Amino acid sequence: MTLRELFQHIGENPNFILFYFLIIPVAAVIAGVLGKGEGHLSPWKYLYATLIYLVSVPGIFAVALNAYFFLFQRGDVMQTDVYLQILPIIVMVVTIFLIRRNVDLSLIPGFDKISGLWFMLFATMFLMWLLEKIHIVVFSYLPFQYLLGIFVILFALIYLGWQKFVR
């Protein structure tokens, strides 16, 4: 099964993905009501961390997918898949907003790691876009596995640079 076939299957059968992206913000609202003012305490902060990771991984993937489609493939905005390219980003933002109303995000375990992942991913995508725009390497003619390899190498270099910068 290719990624395109998977996306097509999800687009034809959106029930699971709609349930997934509906239940997470609902859980954040319920946790906010039940744990009002206690979000920094042990059981709640781990629930919030789980909810943030459950929406951040698909949300980051959707942002990277959109960046790839629109910056490198020059995709048509009217062909955007609402379930896979828009919904994860909206739910990620809404869920983090709901959680932030009850607890300071710096108190959530692992939130610094996920925000570091956001930074590294966006920095890598920006660097690849910049390289593609100045035509040092034309990415559009490379097979996908080479593009993925370059992305992983740039990601690792930015990660190492970020680690040295933070220390």
N, C-alpha and C. Protein backbone atom coordinates (compact mmCIF):
# COMPACT_ATOMS: atom_id res chain seq x y z
N MET A 1 0.84 -1.17 0.00
CA MET A 1 0.00 0.00 0.00
C MET A 1 0.89 1.24 0.00
N THR A 2 0.61 2.14 -0.89
CA THR A 2 1.36 3.38 -0.95
C THR A 2 0.72 4.42 -0.05
N LEU A 3 1.43 5.51 0.16
CA LEU A 3 0.89 6.59 0.98
C LEU A 3 -0.35 7.19 0.31
N ARG A 4 -0.32 7.30 -1.01
CA ARG A 4 -1.48 7.84 -1.73
C ARG A 4 -2.70 6.94 -1.54
N GLU A 5 -2.50 5.62 -1.59
CA GLU A 5 -3.61 4.68 -1.39
C GLU A 5 -4.14 4.76 0.04
N LEU A 6 -3.23 4.92 1.01
CA LEU A 6 -3.66 5.07 2.39
C LEU A 6 -4.49 6.33 2.56
N PHE A 7 -4.03 7.44 2.00
CA PHE A 7 -4.77 8.69 2.09
C PHE A 7 -6.13 8.57 1.41
N GLN A 8 -6.17 7.90 0.29
CA GLN A 8 -7.43 7.70 -0.42
C GLN A 8 -8.38 6.85 0.41
N HIS A 9 -7.86 5.80 1.03
CA HIS A 9 -8.69 4.93 1.88
C HIS A 9 -9.25 5.71 3.08
N ILE A 10 -8.42 6.53 3.69
CA ILE A 10 -8.89 7.33 4.82
C ILE A 10 -9.92 8.34 4.36
N GLY A 11 -9.72 8.94 3.18
CA GLY A 11 -10.69 9.88 2.64
C GLY A 11 -12.03 9.24 2.33
N GLU A 12 -12.01 7.98 1.92
CA GLU A 12 -13.26 7.28 1.62
C GLU A 12 -13.95 6.76 2.88
N ASN A 13 -13.19 6.51 3.94
CA ASN A 13 -13.73 6.00 5.20
C ASN A 13 -13.25 6.88 6.35
N PRO A 14 -13.82 8.07 6.50
CA PRO A 14 -13.28 9.02 7.50
C PRO A 14 -13.78 8.82 8.93
N ASN A 15 -14.57 7.79 9.18
CA ASN A 15 -15.17 7.64 10.51
C ASN A 15 -14.12 7.52 11.62
N PHE A 16 -13.10 6.68 11.42
CA PHE A 16 -12.09 6.49 12.45
C PHE A 16 -11.32 7.78 12.72
N ILE A 17 -10.90 8.46 11.66
CA ILE A 17 -10.09 9.67 11.85
C ILE A 17 -10.92 10.79 12.47
N LEU A 18 -12.19 10.87 12.11
CA LEU A 18 -13.06 11.87 12.74
C LEU A 18 -13.26 11.57 14.22
N PHE A 19 -13.45 10.30 14.56
CA PHE A 19 -13.59 9.91 15.97
C PHE A 19 -12.30 10.23 16.74
N TYR A 20 -11.16 9.88 16.14
CA TYR A 20 -9.87 10.12 16.78
C TYR A 20 -9.67 11.61 17.07
N PHE A 21 -9.94 12.44 16.07
CA PHE A 21 -9.70 13.87 16.25
C PHE A 21 -10.83 14.58 17.00
N LEU A 22 -11.92 13.91 17.24
CA LEU A 22 -12.97 14.48 18.07
C LEU A 22 -12.78 14.11 19.53
N ILE A 23 -12.34 12.89 19.80
CA ILE A 23 -12.24 12.41 21.18
C ILE A 23 -11.10 13.10 21.95
N ILE A 24 -10.06 13.51 21.27
CA ILE A 24 -8.92 14.11 21.98
C ILE A 24 -9.26 15.49 22.55
N PRO A 25 -9.84 16.42 21.77
CA PRO A 25 -10.23 17.69 22.40
C PRO A 25 -11.32 17.52 23.46
N VAL A 26 -12.22 16.56 23.25
CA VAL A 26 -13.25 16.30 24.26
C VAL A 26 -12.59 15.83 25.55
N ALA A 27 -11.59 14.96 25.44
CA ALA A 27 -10.86 14.49 26.62
C ALA A 27 -10.13 15.66 27.29
N ALA A 28 -9.60 16.58 26.50
CA ALA A 28 -8.92 17.75 27.08
C ALA A 28 -9.91 18.64 27.83
N VAL A 29 -11.11 18.80 27.29
CA VAL A 29 -12.13 19.60 27.97
C VAL A 29 -12.55 18.93 29.27
N ILE A 30 -12.81 17.61 29.21
CA ILE A 30 -13.22 16.88 30.42
C ILE A 30 -12.12 16.93 31.47
N ALA A 31 -10.87 16.74 31.05
CA ALA A 31 -9.75 16.81 32.00
C ALA A 31 -9.63 18.22 32.58
N GLY A 32 -9.90 19.22 31.77
CA GLY A 32 -9.85 20.60 32.26
C GLY A 32 -10.92 20.88 33.30
N VAL A 33 -12.09 20.29 33.12
CA VAL A 33 -13.17 20.48 34.08
C VAL A 33 -12.91 19.69 35.36
N LEU A 34 -12.52 18.44 35.21
CA LEU A 34 -12.31 17.58 36.39
C LEU A 34 -11.06 17.95 37.17
N GLY A 35 -10.02 18.40 36.47
CA GLY A 35 -8.75 18.70 37.14
C GLY A 35 -8.48 20.19 37.19
N LYS A 36 -9.49 20.99 37.36
CA LYS A 36 -9.34 22.45 37.37
C LYS A 36 -8.35 22.87 38.44
N GLY A 37 -7.29 23.54 38.01
CA GLY A 37 -6.27 24.01 38.95
C GLY A 37 -5.29 22.95 39.40
N GLU A 38 -5.46 21.71 38.95
CA GLU A 38 -4.57 20.62 39.36
C GLU A 38 -3.81 20.05 38.17
N GLY A 39 -3.74 20.77 37.06
CA GLY A 39 -3.11 20.26 35.85
C GLY A 39 -1.63 19.98 36.00
N HIS A 40 -0.98 20.61 36.96
CA HIS A 40 0.45 20.40 37.17
C HIS A 40 0.74 19.20 38.05
N LEU A 41 -0.31 18.58 38.61
CA LEU A 41 -0.13 17.43 39.49
C LEU A 41 -0.02 16.14 38.68
N SER A 42 0.45 15.11 39.35
CA SER A 42 0.88 13.88 38.70
C SER A 42 -0.09 13.22 37.72
N PRO A 43 -1.30 12.86 38.08
CA PRO A 43 -2.06 12.13 37.06
C PRO A 43 -2.47 13.01 35.89
N TRP A 44 -2.74 14.28 36.14
CA TRP A 44 -3.25 15.15 35.08
C TRP A 44 -2.16 15.53 34.09
N LYS A 45 -0.96 15.80 34.59
CA LYS A 45 0.08 16.24 33.67
C LYS A 45 0.47 15.13 32.70
N TYR A 46 0.38 13.87 33.12
CA TYR A 46 0.68 12.77 32.20
C TYR A 46 -0.45 12.55 31.19
N LEU A 47 -1.68 12.79 31.62
CA LEU A 47 -2.79 12.74 30.68
C LEU A 47 -2.64 13.84 29.64
N TYR A 48 -2.30 15.04 30.09
CA TYR A 48 -2.10 16.15 29.16
C TYR A 48 -0.94 15.87 28.20
N ALA A 49 0.13 15.29 28.71
CA ALA A 49 1.27 14.95 27.85
C ALA A 49 0.85 13.95 26.79
N THR A 50 0.06 12.95 27.18
CA THR A 50 -0.42 11.96 26.22
C THR A 50 -1.30 12.62 25.17
N LEU A 51 -2.21 13.47 25.60
CA LEU A 51 -3.09 14.16 24.64
C LEU A 51 -2.30 15.04 23.68
N ILE A 52 -1.30 15.73 24.21
CA ILE A 52 -0.48 16.59 23.35
C ILE A 52 0.26 15.76 22.31
N TYR A 53 0.83 14.66 22.73
CA TYR A 53 1.54 13.81 21.77
C TYR A 53 0.58 13.19 20.76
N LEU A 54 -0.62 12.80 21.20
CA LEU A 54 -1.59 12.19 20.28
C LEU A 54 -2.05 13.15 19.19
N VAL A 55 -2.04 14.46 19.48
CA VAL A 55 -2.42 15.41 18.43
C VAL A 55 -1.21 16.02 17.74
N SER A 56 -0.08 16.07 18.42
CA SER A 56 1.09 16.73 17.83
C SER A 56 1.73 15.90 16.72
N VAL A 57 1.81 14.60 16.90
CA VAL A 57 2.45 13.77 15.87
C VAL A 57 1.67 13.86 14.55
N PRO A 58 0.34 13.65 14.53
CA PRO A 58 -0.36 13.83 13.26
C PRO A 58 -0.37 15.29 12.80
N GLY A 59 -0.42 16.22 13.73
CA GLY A 59 -0.42 17.64 13.35
C GLY A 59 0.89 18.05 12.70
N ILE A 60 2.00 17.62 13.27
CA ILE A 60 3.30 17.92 12.68
C ILE A 60 3.44 17.24 11.33
N PHE A 61 2.96 16.01 11.24
CA PHE A 61 2.99 15.31 9.96
C PHE A 61 2.16 16.06 8.92
N ALA A 62 1.00 16.56 9.31
CA ALA A 62 0.15 17.30 8.38
C ALA A 62 0.81 18.60 7.93
N VAL A 63 1.47 19.29 8.84
CA VAL A 63 2.17 20.52 8.46
C VAL A 63 3.31 20.21 7.49
N ALA A 64 4.07 19.15 7.79
CA ALA A 64 5.17 18.77 6.90
C ALA A 64 4.63 18.32 5.54
N LEU A 65 3.53 17.59 5.55
CA LEU A 65 2.91 17.15 4.30
C LEU A 65 2.42 18.34 3.49
N ASN A 66 1.80 19.30 4.15
CA ASN A 66 1.35 20.51 3.45
C ASN A 66 2.53 21.29 2.90
N ALA A 67 3.58 21.42 3.69
CA ALA A 67 4.77 22.13 3.20
C ALA A 67 5.34 21.43 1.98
N TYR A 68 5.39 20.11 2.02
CA TYR A 68 5.92 19.36 0.88
C TYR A 68 5.03 19.54 -0.35
N PHE A 69 3.72 19.41 -0.16
CA PHE A 69 2.80 19.53 -1.28
C PHE A 69 2.83 20.93 -1.89
N PHE A 70 2.82 21.95 -1.05
CA PHE A 70 2.67 23.30 -1.56
C PHE A 70 4.00 23.95 -1.95
N LEU A 71 5.09 23.60 -1.27
CA LEU A 71 6.37 24.23 -1.59
C LEU A 71 7.15 23.47 -2.65
N PHE A 72 7.15 22.15 -2.56
CA PHE A 72 7.98 21.36 -3.47
C PHE A 72 7.18 20.79 -4.64
N GLN A 73 5.97 20.33 -4.40
CA GLN A 73 5.16 19.76 -5.47
C GLN A 73 4.32 20.82 -6.17
N ARG A 74 4.22 21.99 -5.56
CA ARG A 74 3.39 23.07 -6.07
C ARG A 74 1.96 22.59 -6.30
N GLY A 75 1.43 21.95 -5.26
CA GLY A 75 0.09 21.38 -5.32
C GLY A 75 -0.99 22.44 -5.35
N ASP A 76 -2.14 22.02 -5.78
CA ASP A 76 -3.30 22.89 -5.87
C ASP A 76 -4.01 22.93 -4.52
N VAL A 77 -4.29 24.12 -4.03
CA VAL A 77 -4.96 24.28 -2.75
C VAL A 77 -6.34 23.65 -2.77
N MET A 78 -6.99 23.69 -3.90
CA MET A 78 -8.33 23.12 -4.01
C MET A 78 -8.32 21.60 -3.93
N GLN A 79 -7.18 20.97 -4.03
CA GLN A 79 -7.06 19.51 -3.93
C GLN A 79 -6.66 19.07 -2.51
N THR A 80 -6.66 19.99 -1.57
CA THR A 80 -6.27 19.70 -0.20
C THR A 80 -7.27 18.74 0.46
N ASP A 81 -6.76 17.71 1.08
CA ASP A 81 -7.60 16.74 1.79
C ASP A 81 -7.89 17.29 3.18
N VAL A 82 -9.15 17.56 3.44
CA VAL A 82 -9.56 18.18 4.70
C VAL A 82 -9.24 17.27 5.89
N TYR A 83 -9.47 15.96 5.73
CA TYR A 83 -9.26 15.03 6.84
C TYR A 83 -7.80 14.85 7.20
N LEU A 84 -6.90 14.92 6.23
CA LEU A 84 -5.50 14.61 6.49
C LEU A 84 -4.58 15.83 6.51
N GLN A 85 -5.01 16.93 5.92
CA GLN A 85 -4.12 18.07 5.83
C GLN A 85 -4.60 19.27 6.64
N ILE A 86 -5.86 19.35 6.96
CA ILE A 86 -6.36 20.51 7.70
C ILE A 86 -6.81 20.13 9.11
N LEU A 87 -7.61 19.06 9.22
CA LEU A 87 -8.15 18.65 10.51
C LEU A 87 -7.09 18.38 11.57
N PRO A 88 -5.99 17.66 11.27
CA PRO A 88 -4.99 17.43 12.33
C PRO A 88 -4.36 18.73 12.85
N ILE A 89 -4.18 19.70 12.00
CA ILE A 89 -3.57 20.97 12.43
C ILE A 89 -4.54 21.74 13.32
N ILE A 90 -5.79 21.80 12.91
CA ILE A 90 -6.80 22.52 13.70
C ILE A 90 -6.97 21.86 15.07
N VAL A 91 -7.07 20.54 15.09
CA VAL A 91 -7.26 19.83 16.36
C VAL A 91 -6.03 19.97 17.24
N MET A 92 -4.84 19.98 16.66
CA MET A 92 -3.62 20.17 17.44
C MET A 92 -3.64 21.54 18.12
N VAL A 93 -3.96 22.58 17.37
CA VAL A 93 -3.98 23.93 17.93
C VAL A 93 -5.06 24.06 19.00
N VAL A 94 -6.25 23.55 18.72
CA VAL A 94 -7.35 23.64 19.67
C VAL A 94 -7.04 22.86 20.95
N THR A 95 -6.50 21.67 20.82
CA THR A 95 -6.19 20.84 22.00
C THR A 95 -5.12 21.50 22.86
N ILE A 96 -4.08 22.00 22.23
CA ILE A 96 -3.02 22.67 23.01
C ILE A 96 -3.57 23.93 23.68
N PHE A 97 -4.45 24.66 23.00
CA PHE A 97 -5.09 25.83 23.61
C PHE A 97 -5.93 25.43 24.82
N LEU A 98 -6.71 24.35 24.68
CA LEU A 98 -7.55 23.89 25.79
C LEU A 98 -6.70 23.44 26.98
N ILE A 99 -5.62 22.76 26.72
CA ILE A 99 -4.75 22.30 27.79
C ILE A 99 -4.04 23.47 28.45
N ARG A 100 -3.64 24.43 27.65
CA ARG A 100 -2.91 25.60 28.17
C ARG A 100 -3.78 26.44 29.10
N ARG A 101 -5.10 26.36 28.92
CA ARG A 101 -6.00 27.10 29.82
C ARG A 101 -5.96 26.57 31.25
N ASN A 102 -5.60 25.30 31.42
CA ASN A 102 -5.61 24.68 32.75
C ASN A 102 -4.23 24.52 33.36
N VAL A 103 -3.18 24.46 32.53
CA VAL A 103 -1.85 24.19 33.07
C VAL A 103 -0.81 24.90 32.20
N ASP A 104 0.27 25.31 32.85
CA ASP A 104 1.40 25.89 32.13
C ASP A 104 2.08 24.77 31.35
N LEU A 105 2.26 24.96 30.06
CA LEU A 105 2.80 23.90 29.21
C LEU A 105 4.23 23.51 29.56
N SER A 106 4.96 24.38 30.21
CA SER A 106 6.32 24.02 30.62
C SER A 106 6.32 22.96 31.72
N LEU A 107 5.19 22.77 32.39
CA LEU A 107 5.07 21.76 33.44
C LEU A 107 4.67 20.39 32.89
N ILE A 108 4.33 20.33 31.61
CA ILE A 108 3.93 19.07 30.98
C ILE A 108 5.20 18.29 30.63
N PRO A 109 5.30 17.03 31.08
CA PRO A 109 6.51 16.25 30.75
C PRO A 109 6.62 16.01 29.26
N GLY A 110 7.78 16.30 28.70
CA GLY A 110 8.04 16.05 27.29
C GLY A 110 7.61 17.16 26.36
N PHE A 111 6.95 18.21 26.88
CA PHE A 111 6.51 19.28 25.98
C PHE A 111 7.69 20.02 25.38
N ASP A 112 8.78 20.14 26.14
CA ASP A 112 9.97 20.78 25.58
C ASP A 112 10.54 19.95 24.43
N LYS A 113 10.41 18.64 24.50
CA LYS A 113 10.91 17.79 23.43
C LYS A 113 10.04 17.92 22.18
N ILE A 114 8.73 17.98 22.34
CA ILE A 114 7.86 18.10 21.18
C ILE A 114 7.99 19.48 20.55
N SER A 115 8.20 20.51 21.36
CA SER A 115 8.40 21.84 20.78
C SER A 115 9.75 21.91 20.08
N GLY A 116 10.76 21.19 20.60
CA GLY A 116 12.04 21.09 19.90
C GLY A 116 11.90 20.36 18.58
N LEU A 117 11.05 19.33 18.56
CA LEU A 117 10.78 18.62 17.32
C LEU A 117 10.10 19.54 16.31
N TRP A 118 9.14 20.33 16.77
CA TRP A 118 8.50 21.30 15.87
C TRP A 118 9.54 22.23 15.27
N PHE A 119 10.40 22.76 16.13
CA PHE A 119 11.42 23.70 15.64
C PHE A 119 12.34 23.04 14.62
N MET A 120 12.84 21.85 14.94
CA MET A 120 13.78 21.18 14.03
C MET A 120 13.10 20.83 12.70
N LEU A 121 11.88 20.38 12.76
CA LEU A 121 11.17 20.02 11.53
C LEU A 121 10.95 21.25 10.65
N PHE A 122 10.50 22.33 11.24
CA PHE A 122 10.26 23.54 10.45
C PHE A 122 11.56 24.15 9.95
N ALA A 123 12.61 24.08 10.75
CA ALA A 123 13.91 24.59 10.29
C ALA A 123 14.43 23.75 9.13
N THR A 124 14.27 22.44 9.20
CA THR A 124 14.71 21.57 8.11
C THR A 124 13.90 21.82 6.85
N MET A 125 12.59 21.93 6.99
CA MET A 125 11.74 22.20 5.82
C MET A 125 12.09 23.56 5.21
N PHE A 126 12.34 24.56 6.05
CA PHE A 126 12.71 25.87 5.54
C PHE A 126 14.04 25.82 4.80
N LEU A 127 15.00 25.10 5.36
CA LEU A 127 16.31 24.98 4.72
C LEU A 127 16.19 24.27 3.37
N MET A 128 15.40 23.21 3.32
CA MET A 128 15.21 22.51 2.05
C MET A 128 14.51 23.40 1.03
N TRP A 129 13.52 24.17 1.48
CA TRP A 129 12.82 25.08 0.57
C TRP A 129 13.77 26.16 0.06
N LEU A 130 14.60 26.68 0.97
CA LEU A 130 15.57 27.71 0.58
C LEU A 130 16.56 27.16 -0.44
N LEU A 131 17.08 25.96 -0.19
CA LEU A 131 18.00 25.34 -1.15
C LEU A 131 17.32 25.09 -2.50
N GLU A 132 16.07 24.72 -2.46
CA GLU A 132 15.36 24.47 -3.71
C GLU A 132 15.11 25.78 -4.47
N LYS A 133 14.85 26.85 -3.75
CA LYS A 133 14.58 28.14 -4.39
C LYS A 133 15.83 28.75 -5.02
N ILE A 134 16.98 28.54 -4.39
CA ILE A 134 18.19 29.13 -4.97
C ILE A 134 18.86 28.19 -5.97
N HIS A 135 18.23 27.05 -6.20
CA HIS A 135 18.64 26.10 -7.24
C HIS A 135 20.04 25.53 -7.05
N ILE A 136 20.48 25.38 -5.80
CA ILE A 136 21.74 24.67 -5.58
C ILE A 136 21.54 23.21 -5.95
N VAL A 137 20.46 22.65 -5.48
CA VAL A 137 20.07 21.29 -5.84
C VAL A 137 18.60 21.34 -6.22
N VAL A 138 18.27 20.78 -7.33
CA VAL A 138 16.88 20.77 -7.74
C VAL A 138 16.23 19.51 -7.17
N PHE A 139 15.43 19.69 -6.11
CA PHE A 139 14.81 18.56 -5.43
C PHE A 139 13.68 17.94 -6.23
N SER A 140 13.06 18.71 -7.10
CA SER A 140 11.87 18.20 -7.77
C SER A 140 12.18 17.06 -8.73
N TYR A 141 13.42 16.90 -9.16
CA TYR A 141 13.77 15.84 -10.09
C TYR A 141 14.37 14.62 -9.39
N LEU A 142 14.55 14.72 -8.08
CA LEU A 142 15.12 13.61 -7.33
C LEU A 142 14.02 12.60 -6.98
N PRO A 143 14.36 11.33 -6.96
CA PRO A 143 13.39 10.35 -6.45
C PRO A 143 13.11 10.62 -4.98
N PHE A 144 11.94 10.19 -4.53
CA PHE A 144 11.50 10.49 -3.17
C PHE A 144 12.45 9.96 -2.12
N GLN A 145 13.04 8.77 -2.32
CA GLN A 145 13.94 8.21 -1.30
C GLN A 145 15.19 9.07 -1.13
N TYR A 146 15.67 9.71 -2.20
CA TYR A 146 16.82 10.61 -2.06
C TYR A 146 16.41 11.87 -1.30
N LEU A 147 15.23 12.38 -1.61
CA LEU A 147 14.73 13.55 -0.91
C LEU A 147 14.54 13.24 0.58
N LEU A 148 14.05 12.06 0.87
CA LEU A 148 13.88 11.65 2.26
C LEU A 148 15.23 11.51 2.95
N GLY A 149 16.23 10.96 2.26
CA GLY A 149 17.58 10.84 2.82
C GLY A 149 18.20 12.20 3.11
N ILE A 150 18.04 13.14 2.19
CA ILE A 150 18.55 14.50 2.40
C ILE A 150 17.85 15.14 3.59
N PHE A 151 16.53 14.93 3.68
CA PHE A 151 15.77 15.47 4.80
C PHE A 151 16.28 14.92 6.13
N VAL A 152 16.53 13.62 6.20
CA VAL A 152 17.01 13.00 7.45
C VAL A 152 18.39 13.54 7.81
N ILE A 153 19.27 13.70 6.83
CA ILE A 153 20.61 14.23 7.09
C ILE A 153 20.53 15.68 7.59
N LEU A 154 19.73 16.50 6.93
CA LEU A 154 19.56 17.89 7.37
C LEU A 154 18.94 17.94 8.77
N PHE A 155 17.97 17.07 9.00
CA PHE A 155 17.33 17.00 10.31
C PHE A 155 18.36 16.66 11.38
N ALA A 156 19.23 15.70 11.12
CA ALA A 156 20.26 15.31 12.08
C ALA A 156 21.25 16.45 12.31
N LEU A 157 21.64 17.14 11.25
CA LEU A 157 22.57 18.26 11.40
C LEU A 157 21.95 19.40 12.22
N ILE A 158 20.70 19.70 11.94
CA ILE A 158 20.03 20.75 12.71
C ILE A 158 19.87 20.31 14.16
N TYR A 159 19.58 19.02 14.39
CA TYR A 159 19.46 18.51 15.75
C TYR A 159 20.79 18.66 16.50
N LEU A 160 21.89 18.28 15.86
CA LEU A 160 23.19 18.41 16.52
C LEU A 160 23.53 19.87 16.80
N GLY A 161 23.23 20.74 15.83
CA GLY A 161 23.46 22.16 16.04
C GLY A 161 22.60 22.74 17.15
N TRP A 162 21.35 22.29 17.20
CA TRP A 162 20.45 22.76 18.24
C TRP A 162 20.93 22.29 19.62
N GLN A 163 21.40 21.06 19.70
CA GLN A 163 21.89 20.55 20.98
C GLN A 163 23.12 21.33 21.45
N LYS A 164 24.01 21.67 20.55
CA LYS A 164 25.19 22.47 20.92
C LYS A 164 24.79 23.88 21.30
N PHE A 165 23.77 24.42 20.62
CA PHE A 165 23.30 25.77 20.90
C PHE A 165 22.63 25.83 22.27
N VAL A 166 21.87 24.83 22.63
CA VAL A 166 21.15 24.82 23.90
C VAL A 166 22.10 24.67 25.07
N ARG A 167 23.15 23.89 24.90
CA ARG A 167 24.13 23.70 25.99
C ARG A 167 24.88 24.94 26.17
